[in-house]
Amino acid sequence: MDRCLFCALVEGRVNANIVYQDDHVVAFKDIKPQAPVHLLLIPRKHLAGVLDIEPEDHALIGEIFQVASRLAREQGIADTGFRIVVNSGADAGQSVFHLHYHLIGGRLMTWPPG
């Protein structure tokens, strides 16, 4: 995945403001935040998007949500509320085709999101 921006980030070839990392998940601040807290959580394993998740990835996806919960608490948005957003495909706004979850909070959210 030489051309995948997030794979390059995972490999340390691209800098990011990393707030969490372990053997399976990396979380970092979004470079164009849409709220006071806007983090991206990505698996180290390259999955282009939601449609590429296989049964063997279920534990990994669960771990991403556990990390999101931990970070929501650490960032002080757990009590007031937050969103976890996944864009799937270009029409949904996915611009980097490496599965990623947006953890967004710290402001009042509206619905529909846009």
Protein backbone atom coordinates (compact mmCIF):
# COMPACT_ATOMS: atom_id res chain seq x y z
CA MET A 1 0.00 0.00 0.00
CA ASP A 2 2.74 2.48 -0.93
CA ARG A 3 0.19 5.03 -2.12
CA CYS A 4 -2.06 4.90 0.97
CA LEU A 5 -1.59 8.00 3.12
CA PHE A 6 -2.74 6.26 6.30
CA CYS A 7 -0.50 3.23 5.70
CA ALA A 8 2.40 5.67 5.38
CA LEU A 9 1.31 7.25 8.68
CA VAL A 10 1.16 3.83 10.38
CA GLU A 11 4.66 3.07 9.07
CA GLY A 12 6.01 6.40 10.33
CA ARG A 13 6.67 7.81 6.85
CA VAL A 14 4.08 10.58 7.38
CA ASN A 15 3.87 12.73 10.49
CA ALA A 16 0.67 13.06 12.48
CA ASN A 17 -0.35 14.33 15.89
CA ILE A 18 -0.81 10.86 17.36
CA VAL A 19 -2.82 10.66 20.59
CA TYR A 20 -2.96 6.86 20.91
CA GLN A 21 -1.37 3.80 19.37
CA ASP A 22 -1.07 0.12 20.09
CA ASP A 23 -0.37 -3.00 18.04
CA HIS A 24 -3.66 -2.72 16.13
CA VAL A 25 -4.98 0.87 16.25
CA VAL A 26 -3.59 4.37 15.73
CA ALA A 27 -5.52 7.53 16.66
CA PHE A 28 -4.51 11.03 15.68
CA LYS A 29 -5.89 14.56 15.42
CA ASP A 30 -7.69 15.42 12.18
CA ILE A 31 -5.83 18.09 10.20
CA LYS A 32 -9.14 19.84 9.38
CA PRO A 33 -11.11 19.46 12.63
CA GLN A 34 -14.88 19.93 12.49
CA ALA A 35 -15.23 20.22 16.28
CA PRO A 36 -13.04 20.94 19.31
CA VAL A 37 -12.31 17.19 19.47
CA HIS A 38 -11.88 15.52 16.09
CA LEU A 39 -9.74 12.41 16.06
CA LEU A 40 -9.28 9.75 13.42
CA LEU A 41 -8.95 6.13 14.49
CA ILE A 42 -7.46 3.73 11.98
CA PRO A 43 -6.50 0.08 12.00
CA ARG A 44 -2.84 -0.60 11.33
CA LYS A 45 -4.07 -3.27 8.91
CA HIS A 46 -5.00 -1.79 5.56
CA LEU A 47 -8.69 -2.11 4.83
CA ALA A 48 -9.86 0.25 2.09
CA GLY A 49 -13.26 0.73 3.68
CA VAL A 50 -16.28 -0.79 5.38
CA LEU A 51 -16.91 -3.19 2.50
CA ASP A 52 -13.48 -4.77 3.03
CA ILE A 53 -14.15 -5.86 6.62
CA GLU A 54 -13.99 -9.66 6.80
CA PRO A 55 -15.08 -11.98 9.64
CA GLU A 56 -11.47 -12.21 10.84
CA ASP A 57 -11.52 -8.40 11.35
CA HIS A 58 -14.41 -8.38 13.84
CA ALA A 59 -12.14 -8.29 16.90
CA LEU A 60 -10.17 -5.44 15.34
CA ILE A 61 -13.33 -3.40 14.76
CA GLY A 62 -14.38 -4.02 18.35
CA GLU A 63 -10.98 -2.84 19.55
CA ILE A 64 -11.35 0.38 17.54
CA PHE A 65 -14.62 1.11 19.35
CA GLN A 66 -13.01 0.36 22.72
CA VAL A 67 -10.24 2.82 21.89
CA ALA A 68 -12.87 5.38 20.81
CA SER A 69 -14.60 5.02 24.18
CA ARG A 70 -11.33 5.45 26.03
CA LEU A 71 -10.41 8.54 24.01
CA ALA A 72 -13.88 10.07 24.46
CA ARG A 73 -13.35 9.83 28.21
CA GLU A 74 -9.79 11.17 28.04
CA GLN A 75 -10.84 14.06 25.79
CA GLY A 76 -13.69 15.04 28.13
CA ILE A 77 -16.55 14.42 25.70
CA ALA A 78 -17.94 11.17 27.08
CA ASP A 79 -20.48 12.80 29.38
CA THR A 80 -21.78 15.44 26.96
CA GLY A 81 -21.88 13.25 23.84
CA PHE A 82 -19.91 12.56 20.72
CA ARG A 83 -20.18 10.99 17.28
CA ILE A 84 -18.31 8.17 15.66
CA VAL A 85 -18.58 8.55 11.90
CA VAL A 86 -17.43 6.30 9.07
CA ASN A 87 -17.68 7.51 5.50
CA SER A 88 -17.93 4.68 2.98
CA GLY A 89 -17.17 5.63 -0.60
CA ALA A 90 -16.60 8.87 -2.45
CA ASP A 91 -20.24 9.99 -2.41
CA ALA A 92 -20.23 9.67 1.38
CA GLY A 93 -17.15 11.86 1.66
CA GLN A 94 -14.44 9.22 2.04
CA SER A 95 -11.29 10.84 0.70
CA VAL A 96 -8.64 8.46 2.08
CA PHE A 97 -9.36 4.87 1.19
CA HIS A 98 -8.07 3.31 4.38
CA LEU A 99 -10.84 2.49 6.85
CA HIS A 100 -11.06 5.25 9.44
CA TYR A 101 -13.43 6.36 12.14
CA HIS A 102 -13.98 10.01 13.06
CA LEU A 103 -14.44 10.65 16.79
CA ILE A 104 -16.07 14.08 16.97
CA GLY A 105 -17.27 16.03 19.99
CA GLY A 106 -16.99 19.09 22.13
CA ARG A 107 -19.83 20.99 20.49
CA LEU A 108 -23.55 20.61 19.85
CA MET A 109 -24.17 18.41 16.82
CA THR A 110 -27.05 18.91 14.41
CA TRP A 111 -29.04 16.36 12.42
CA PRO A 112 -28.94 15.49 9.62
CA PRO A 113 -25.16 15.84 9.48
CA GLY A 114 -25.04 17.04 5.88
